[in-house]
Amino acid sequence: MKIGNVEIKGFTALAPMAGVADTAFRLICRECGAAYVVGEMASAKGLMMSDRKTAELLTVTPAERPMAVQLFGDDPGIIAAAVKKAASFGPDIIDINMGCPVPKVAGNGGGSALMKNPSLAGHIIEAAVKATVLPVTVKLRKGWDASSVNAVEIAKIAQECGAAAVTIHGRTRDQMYAPPADLTIIAAVKAAVKIPVIGNGDVRTPEEARHMLEATGCDLVMIGRGALGAPWVFAQTEQFLREGFYDPAPELPARMEMMVRHITLLCALRGEEHGMREARKHAAWYFRGTEGAASLRADAGRLETLEDLRRLAQRAQKLSAGR
């Protein structure tokens, strides 16, 4: 498929998870087969105020491509200016978030709150498209609540305003991340627009990815929580969709090697002190399903150095070998 002039050579994309989809994790997921990655959501207003942390979220490295940066905001003028500034970081695509459900975003008029105001949503998309030559995409939810399911309407507006693709998360804002995602709304959007549609919600396995593609006709499947501590899910899914089978997850030694490499990269990019604070949650995810997982996760929450991590990885392997 193509998003604008950007070719996506596969079926899977990494979701723009806040606090997770940083440069290190995006690189690992690309190495593990993700065809496309989207960076963490960044505030358009923060970017225009030259906020250092916001600018860090827009970092792009060559090995991540094709890659999108994601912005949120509720003012067309600020969005337009932020899109121009974000484009200077060199992404392939700019994504506008109209799906984030968290109060600090939606409560201030951004993210999924824009689905309550289709006219403003259209002005924001149009302003973003006019501000750059890069493809602009839009991330949506099913709607704000059960009484205002309007993803089809907003997707049509996005297409009319020049968006190159839309991503649909199959839940309303009120539903947050439960109950199960509604695939019928993704199918309805796909039937209503001509631009590519990316499906999002509840894809944790290759089988769930295939089910979403078959049930909705979407062009690409976005994987978020299913990749936490298991970035190889992208390679498994790509293999399954092409060949009808997939290799099992790596054995524990290979998983621990990937964990250490991932977190070493994170520390190289962020510094060991900051990187190890971020690493604690990632390590806990990598330990899921291992022998002594509860104890390992508890110790992961106290990691301070890379050497601590290596020792913990070795302990995990000893526990597994002693089963």
Protein backbone atom coordinates (compact mmCIF):
# COMPACT_ATOMS: atom_id res chain seq x y z
CA MET A 1 0.00 0.00 0.00
CA LYS A 2 0.94 3.66 -0.23
CA ILE A 3 0.21 6.56 2.07
CA GLY A 4 0.51 9.47 -0.29
CA ASN A 5 3.81 8.80 -2.03
CA VAL A 6 5.19 6.67 0.83
CA GLU A 7 5.27 2.95 0.15
CA ILE A 8 4.52 0.63 3.07
CA LYS A 9 6.00 -2.79 2.30
CA GLY A 10 3.95 -4.96 4.62
CA PHE A 11 0.80 -5.29 6.65
CA THR A 12 1.73 -4.19 10.18
CA ALA A 13 2.35 -0.87 11.92
CA LEU A 14 3.50 0.05 15.41
CA ALA A 15 0.93 2.16 17.23
CA PRO A 16 1.97 5.58 18.64
CA MET A 17 1.86 4.57 22.31
CA ALA A 18 2.70 7.42 24.66
CA GLY A 19 5.67 6.65 26.88
CA VAL A 20 6.51 3.54 24.86
CA ALA A 21 6.94 4.20 21.13
CA ASP A 22 10.23 6.04 21.54
CA THR A 23 13.14 5.85 19.13
CA ALA A 24 14.65 2.73 20.71
CA PHE A 25 11.41 0.76 20.64
CA ARG A 26 10.58 1.90 17.12
CA LEU A 27 13.99 0.72 15.91
CA ILE A 28 13.57 -2.65 17.60
CA CYS A 29 10.08 -3.07 16.10
CA ARG A 30 11.34 -2.18 12.62
CA GLU A 31 14.12 -4.74 13.00
CA CYS A 32 11.48 -7.25 14.05
CA GLY A 33 9.41 -6.73 10.92
CA ALA A 34 7.08 -3.76 11.50
CA ALA A 35 6.39 -2.27 8.09
CA TYR A 36 5.63 1.19 9.45
CA VAL A 37 6.03 2.95 12.80
CA VAL A 38 4.38 6.01 14.35
CA GLY A 39 6.11 8.01 17.07
CA GLU A 40 4.76 9.14 20.40
CA MET A 41 2.10 11.85 20.38
CA ALA A 42 3.56 15.37 20.70
CA SER A 43 1.79 18.58 21.62
CA ALA A 44 1.55 21.11 18.79
CA LYS A 45 1.45 23.90 21.35
CA GLY A 46 4.46 22.49 23.22
CA LEU A 47 6.41 22.28 19.98
CA MET A 48 5.68 25.91 19.18
CA MET A 49 6.80 26.90 22.69
CA SER A 50 10.13 25.18 21.93
CA ASP A 51 9.59 22.62 24.66
CA ARG A 52 12.64 20.35 24.70
CA LYS A 53 10.76 17.20 25.66
CA THR A 54 8.23 17.74 22.88
CA ALA A 55 11.03 18.16 20.33
CA GLU A 56 12.61 14.90 21.53
CA LEU A 57 9.40 13.06 20.63
CA LEU A 58 9.87 14.10 16.99
CA THR A 59 13.34 12.63 16.51
CA VAL A 60 13.64 10.57 13.33
CA THR A 61 16.45 8.15 12.47
CA PRO A 62 17.05 6.59 9.03
CA ALA A 63 16.55 2.99 10.18
CA GLU A 64 12.97 3.73 11.30
CA ARG A 65 11.67 4.70 7.88
CA PRO A 66 8.93 4.72 6.84
CA MET A 67 7.97 6.60 9.99
CA ALA A 68 5.39 9.16 11.06
CA VAL A 69 5.45 11.74 13.81
CA GLN A 70 2.16 12.47 15.55
CA LEU A 71 0.82 15.82 16.73
CA PHE A 72 -2.22 16.80 18.76
CA GLY A 73 -3.92 20.12 19.34
CA ASP A 74 -7.21 21.97 18.92
CA ASP A 75 -6.17 25.16 17.09
CA PRO A 76 -5.80 25.06 13.28
CA GLY A 77 -3.26 27.88 13.26
CA ILE A 78 -1.04 26.27 15.88
CA ILE A 79 -1.38 22.89 14.16
CA ALA A 80 -0.29 24.41 10.83
CA ALA A 81 2.76 26.05 12.40
CA ALA A 82 3.61 22.87 14.32
CA VAL A 83 3.31 20.74 11.19
CA LYS A 84 5.86 22.96 9.45
CA LYS A 85 8.21 22.65 12.39
CA ALA A 86 7.64 18.90 12.72
CA ALA A 87 8.40 18.45 9.01
CA SER A 88 11.89 19.88 9.64
CA PHE A 89 12.71 16.76 11.70
CA GLY A 90 12.45 14.71 8.51
CA PRO A 91 9.53 12.29 9.01
CA ASP A 92 7.93 10.54 6.06
CA ILE A 93 4.40 11.25 7.25
CA ILE A 94 2.68 13.54 9.77
CA ASP A 95 -0.22 12.09 11.74
CA ILE A 96 -2.83 14.20 13.50
CA ASN A 97 -4.24 12.62 16.64
CA MET A 98 -8.01 12.83 17.02
CA GLY A 99 -8.33 9.64 19.04
CA CYS A 100 -6.45 10.03 22.33
CA PRO A 101 -8.91 9.45 25.20
CA VAL A 102 -6.84 10.59 28.19
CA PRO A 103 -8.27 13.53 30.17
CA LYS A 104 -5.20 15.78 29.92
CA VAL A 105 -5.54 15.71 26.12
CA ALA A 106 -9.26 15.21 25.43
CA GLY A 107 -10.18 17.34 28.43
CA ASN A 108 -8.40 20.29 26.82
CA GLY A 109 -10.13 19.94 23.46
CA GLY A 110 -7.55 17.81 21.68
CA GLY A 111 -7.40 14.13 20.77
CA SER A 112 -10.77 12.39 20.72
CA ALA A 113 -12.58 15.56 21.85
CA LEU A 114 -12.26 16.78 18.25
CA MET A 115 -14.70 14.07 17.20
CA LYS A 116 -17.39 16.09 18.98
CA ASN A 117 -16.69 18.99 16.61
CA PRO A 118 -16.48 17.75 13.00
CA SER A 119 -16.20 21.27 11.62
CA LEU A 120 -13.15 22.07 13.76
CA ALA A 121 -11.67 18.67 12.96
CA GLY A 122 -11.96 19.50 9.27
CA HIS A 123 -10.30 22.89 9.71
CA ILE A 124 -7.41 21.29 11.59
CA ILE A 125 -6.88 18.62 8.93
CA GLU A 126 -7.07 21.18 6.13
CA ALA A 127 -4.57 23.45 7.92
CA ALA A 128 -2.17 20.55 8.41
CA VAL A 129 -2.39 19.44 4.78
CA LYS A 130 -1.79 22.95 3.49
CA ALA A 131 1.24 23.39 5.76
CA THR A 132 3.36 20.58 4.29
CA VAL A 133 4.14 18.57 1.18
CA LEU A 134 4.34 15.43 3.35
CA PRO A 135 1.35 13.08 3.51
CA VAL A 136 -0.93 13.91 6.44
CA THR A 137 -2.89 11.15 8.14
CA VAL A 138 -5.51 11.22 10.90
CA LYS A 139 -6.00 8.90 13.88
CA LEU A 140 -9.66 8.54 14.94
CA ARG A 141 -11.82 6.59 17.34
CA LYS A 142 -15.25 5.13 16.72
CA GLY A 143 -16.72 8.28 18.21
CA TRP A 144 -16.95 10.17 21.49
CA ASP A 145 -19.60 7.94 23.05
CA ALA A 146 -22.35 5.49 22.09
CA SER A 147 -24.69 8.33 21.13
CA SER A 148 -22.18 9.96 18.78
CA VAL A 149 -20.56 7.26 16.68
CA ASN A 150 -19.26 9.37 13.79
CA ALA A 151 -16.00 7.84 12.58
CA VAL A 152 -17.42 7.49 9.07
CA GLU A 153 -18.38 11.18 8.98
CA ILE A 154 -14.99 12.36 10.25
CA ALA A 155 -13.14 9.99 7.90
CA LYS A 156 -15.04 11.45 4.94
CA ILE A 157 -14.16 14.95 6.12
CA ALA A 158 -10.51 13.91 6.45
CA GLN A 159 -10.52 12.62 2.88
CA GLU A 160 -12.18 15.79 1.57
CA CYS A 161 -9.62 17.92 3.39
CA GLY A 162 -6.71 16.10 1.80
CA ALA A 163 -5.72 13.46 4.35
CA ALA A 164 -3.72 10.62 2.80
CA ALA A 165 -5.02 7.91 5.16
CA VAL A 166 -7.02 7.42 8.35
CA THR A 167 -6.49 5.09 11.30
CA ILE A 168 -9.59 3.87 13.13
CA HIS A 169 -9.54 2.58 16.70
CA GLY A 170 -12.70 0.53 17.11
CA ARG A 171 -13.82 2.00 20.45
CA THR A 172 -15.44 5.24 21.54
CA ARG A 173 -13.62 7.62 23.82
CA ASP A 174 -15.88 6.57 26.70
CA GLN A 175 -14.84 2.95 26.23
CA MET A 176 -11.13 3.78 26.58
CA TYR A 177 -9.49 0.35 26.02
CA ALA A 178 -12.42 -1.98 26.81
CA PRO A 179 -14.69 -3.74 25.76
CA PRO A 180 -13.43 -5.49 22.58
CA ALA A 181 -12.85 -3.23 19.59
CA ASP A 182 -15.70 -2.95 17.11
CA LEU A 183 -14.48 -4.14 13.73
CA THR A 184 -17.72 -3.16 12.00
CA ILE A 185 -16.89 0.55 12.34
CA ILE A 186 -13.50 -0.02 10.70
CA ALA A 187 -15.25 -1.88 7.86
CA ALA A 188 -17.79 0.96 7.54
CA VAL A 189 -15.02 3.54 7.22
CA LYS A 190 -13.20 1.41 4.66
CA ALA A 191 -16.37 1.19 2.59
CA ALA A 192 -16.96 4.94 2.81
CA VAL A 193 -13.57 6.35 1.73
CA LYS A 194 -11.05 5.78 -1.02
CA ILE A 195 -7.92 6.61 0.96
CA PRO A 196 -6.14 3.82 2.88
CA VAL A 197 -7.62 2.76 6.20
CA ILE A 198 -5.50 1.44 9.07
CA GLY A 199 -7.27 -0.77 11.61
CA ASN A 200 -6.46 -0.47 15.30
CA GLY A 201 -7.58 -2.23 18.48
CA ASP A 202 -7.08 -5.65 20.10
CA VAL A 203 -4.48 -7.02 17.68
CA ARG A 204 -2.03 -9.01 19.78
CA THR A 205 -1.45 -12.11 17.64
CA PRO A 206 -1.00 -12.97 13.96
CA GLU A 207 -4.44 -14.61 13.98
CA GLU A 208 -6.09 -11.44 15.29
CA ALA A 209 -4.32 -9.40 12.62
CA ARG A 210 -5.60 -11.66 9.86
CA HIS A 211 -9.10 -11.55 11.34
CA MET A 212 -9.09 -7.74 11.32
CA LEU A 213 -7.88 -7.60 7.73
CA GLU A 214 -10.47 -10.11 6.56
CA ALA A 215 -13.36 -8.68 8.60
CA THR A 216 -12.79 -5.03 7.71
CA GLY A 217 -10.91 -4.91 4.40
CA CYS A 218 -8.49 -2.43 5.97
CA ASP A 219 -5.14 -1.85 4.32
CA LEU A 220 -2.83 -2.08 7.33
CA VAL A 221 -3.11 -3.38 10.89
CA MET A 222 -1.77 -1.42 13.84
CA ILE A 223 -0.29 -3.32 16.78
CA GLY A 224 0.19 -1.61 20.14
CA ARG A 225 0.05 -3.44 23.46
CA GLY A 226 0.61 -6.77 21.72
CA ALA A 227 4.19 -5.69 20.94
CA LEU A 228 5.12 -4.82 24.52
CA GLY A 229 7.87 -7.20 25.55
CA ALA A 230 7.23 -9.13 22.30
CA PRO A 231 8.34 -7.04 19.30
CA TRP A 232 8.78 -10.26 17.29
CA VAL A 233 4.98 -10.26 16.90
CA PHE A 234 5.53 -8.13 13.78
CA ALA A 235 7.73 -10.73 12.08
CA GLN A 236 5.32 -13.48 13.08
CA THR A 237 2.35 -11.56 11.71
CA GLU A 238 4.02 -10.62 8.43
CA GLN A 239 5.05 -14.27 7.95
CA PHE A 240 1.56 -15.54 8.79
CA LEU A 241 -0.16 -13.16 6.39
CA ARG A 242 2.19 -14.09 3.54
CA GLU A 243 2.76 -17.81 4.15
CA GLY A 244 -0.12 -19.01 6.36
CA PHE A 245 2.13 -20.06 9.25
CA TYR A 246 4.62 -18.41 11.56
CA ASP A 247 7.65 -19.33 13.60
CA PRO A 248 7.26 -19.61 17.37
CA ALA A 249 8.36 -16.83 19.69
CA PRO A 250 12.10 -16.82 20.42
CA GLU A 251 13.37 -19.04 23.20
CA LEU A 252 14.22 -17.33 26.48
CA PRO A 253 17.95 -16.75 25.77
CA ALA A 254 17.11 -14.93 22.53
CA ARG A 255 14.36 -12.96 24.27
CA MET A 256 16.77 -11.86 26.99
CA GLU A 257 19.35 -10.93 24.38
CA MET A 258 16.75 -8.77 22.63
CA MET A 259 15.72 -7.16 25.91
CA VAL A 260 19.32 -6.25 26.77
CA ARG A 261 19.95 -4.92 23.25
CA HIS A 262 16.73 -2.88 23.32
CA ILE A 263 17.54 -1.30 26.67
CA THR A 264 21.21 -0.75 25.78
CA LEU A 265 19.98 1.20 22.75
CA LEU A 266 17.55 3.11 24.94
CA CYS A 267 20.39 4.08 27.30
CA ALA A 268 22.62 5.09 24.39
CA LEU A 269 19.91 7.45 23.19
CA ARG A 270 18.69 8.81 26.53
CA GLY A 271 21.62 8.34 28.91
CA GLU A 272 21.88 5.44 31.35
CA GLU A 273 20.17 7.12 34.31
CA HIS A 274 17.10 8.22 32.36
CA GLY A 275 17.15 5.18 30.10
CA MET A 276 17.09 2.75 33.00
CA ARG A 277 14.07 4.44 34.52
CA GLU A 278 12.29 3.95 31.20
CA ALA A 279 13.68 0.41 30.97
CA ARG A 280 11.92 -0.88 34.08
CA LYS A 281 8.52 -1.25 32.41
CA HIS A 282 10.02 -2.76 29.26
CA ALA A 283 11.97 -5.35 31.27
CA ALA A 284 8.82 -6.30 33.16
CA TRP A 285 7.03 -6.90 29.84
CA TYR A 286 9.88 -9.05 28.51
CA PHE A 287 9.64 -11.25 31.63
CA ARG A 288 5.96 -12.09 31.11
CA GLY A 289 5.36 -15.81 31.01
CA THR A 290 8.82 -16.76 32.25
CA GLU A 291 9.61 -18.92 35.26
CA GLY A 292 9.60 -16.70 38.38
CA ALA A 293 8.02 -13.83 36.44
CA ALA A 294 6.54 -12.11 39.50
CA SER A 295 9.90 -11.91 41.26
CA LEU A 296 11.68 -10.85 38.08
CA ARG A 297 9.16 -8.08 37.42
CA ALA A 298 9.54 -6.84 40.97
CA ASP A 299 13.31 -6.65 40.54
CA ALA A 300 12.84 -4.97 37.16
CA GLY A 301 11.13 -2.12 38.98
CA ARG A 302 14.37 -1.45 40.86
CA LEU A 303 16.82 -1.48 37.94
CA GLU A 304 19.46 1.26 38.08
CA THR A 305 22.20 0.23 35.63
CA LEU A 306 22.72 -1.87 32.53
CA GLU A 307 24.79 -4.24 34.63
CA ASP A 308 21.74 -4.74 36.89
CA LEU A 309 19.76 -5.63 33.79
CA ARG A 310 22.33 -8.14 32.55
CA ARG A 311 22.38 -9.86 35.93
CA LEU A 312 18.60 -10.03 35.97
CA ALA A 313 18.55 -11.51 32.46
CA GLN A 314 21.04 -14.16 33.60
CA ARG A 315 18.89 -14.96 36.63
CA ALA A 316 15.83 -15.39 34.39
CA GLN A 317 17.71 -17.91 32.29
CA LYS A 318 18.91 -19.83 35.35
CA LEU A 319 15.36 -19.97 36.72
CA SER A 320 14.12 -21.27 33.39
CA ALA A 321 16.88 -23.87 33.15
CA GLY A 322 16.12 -25.12 36.67
CA ARG A 323 12.47 -25.89 35.97
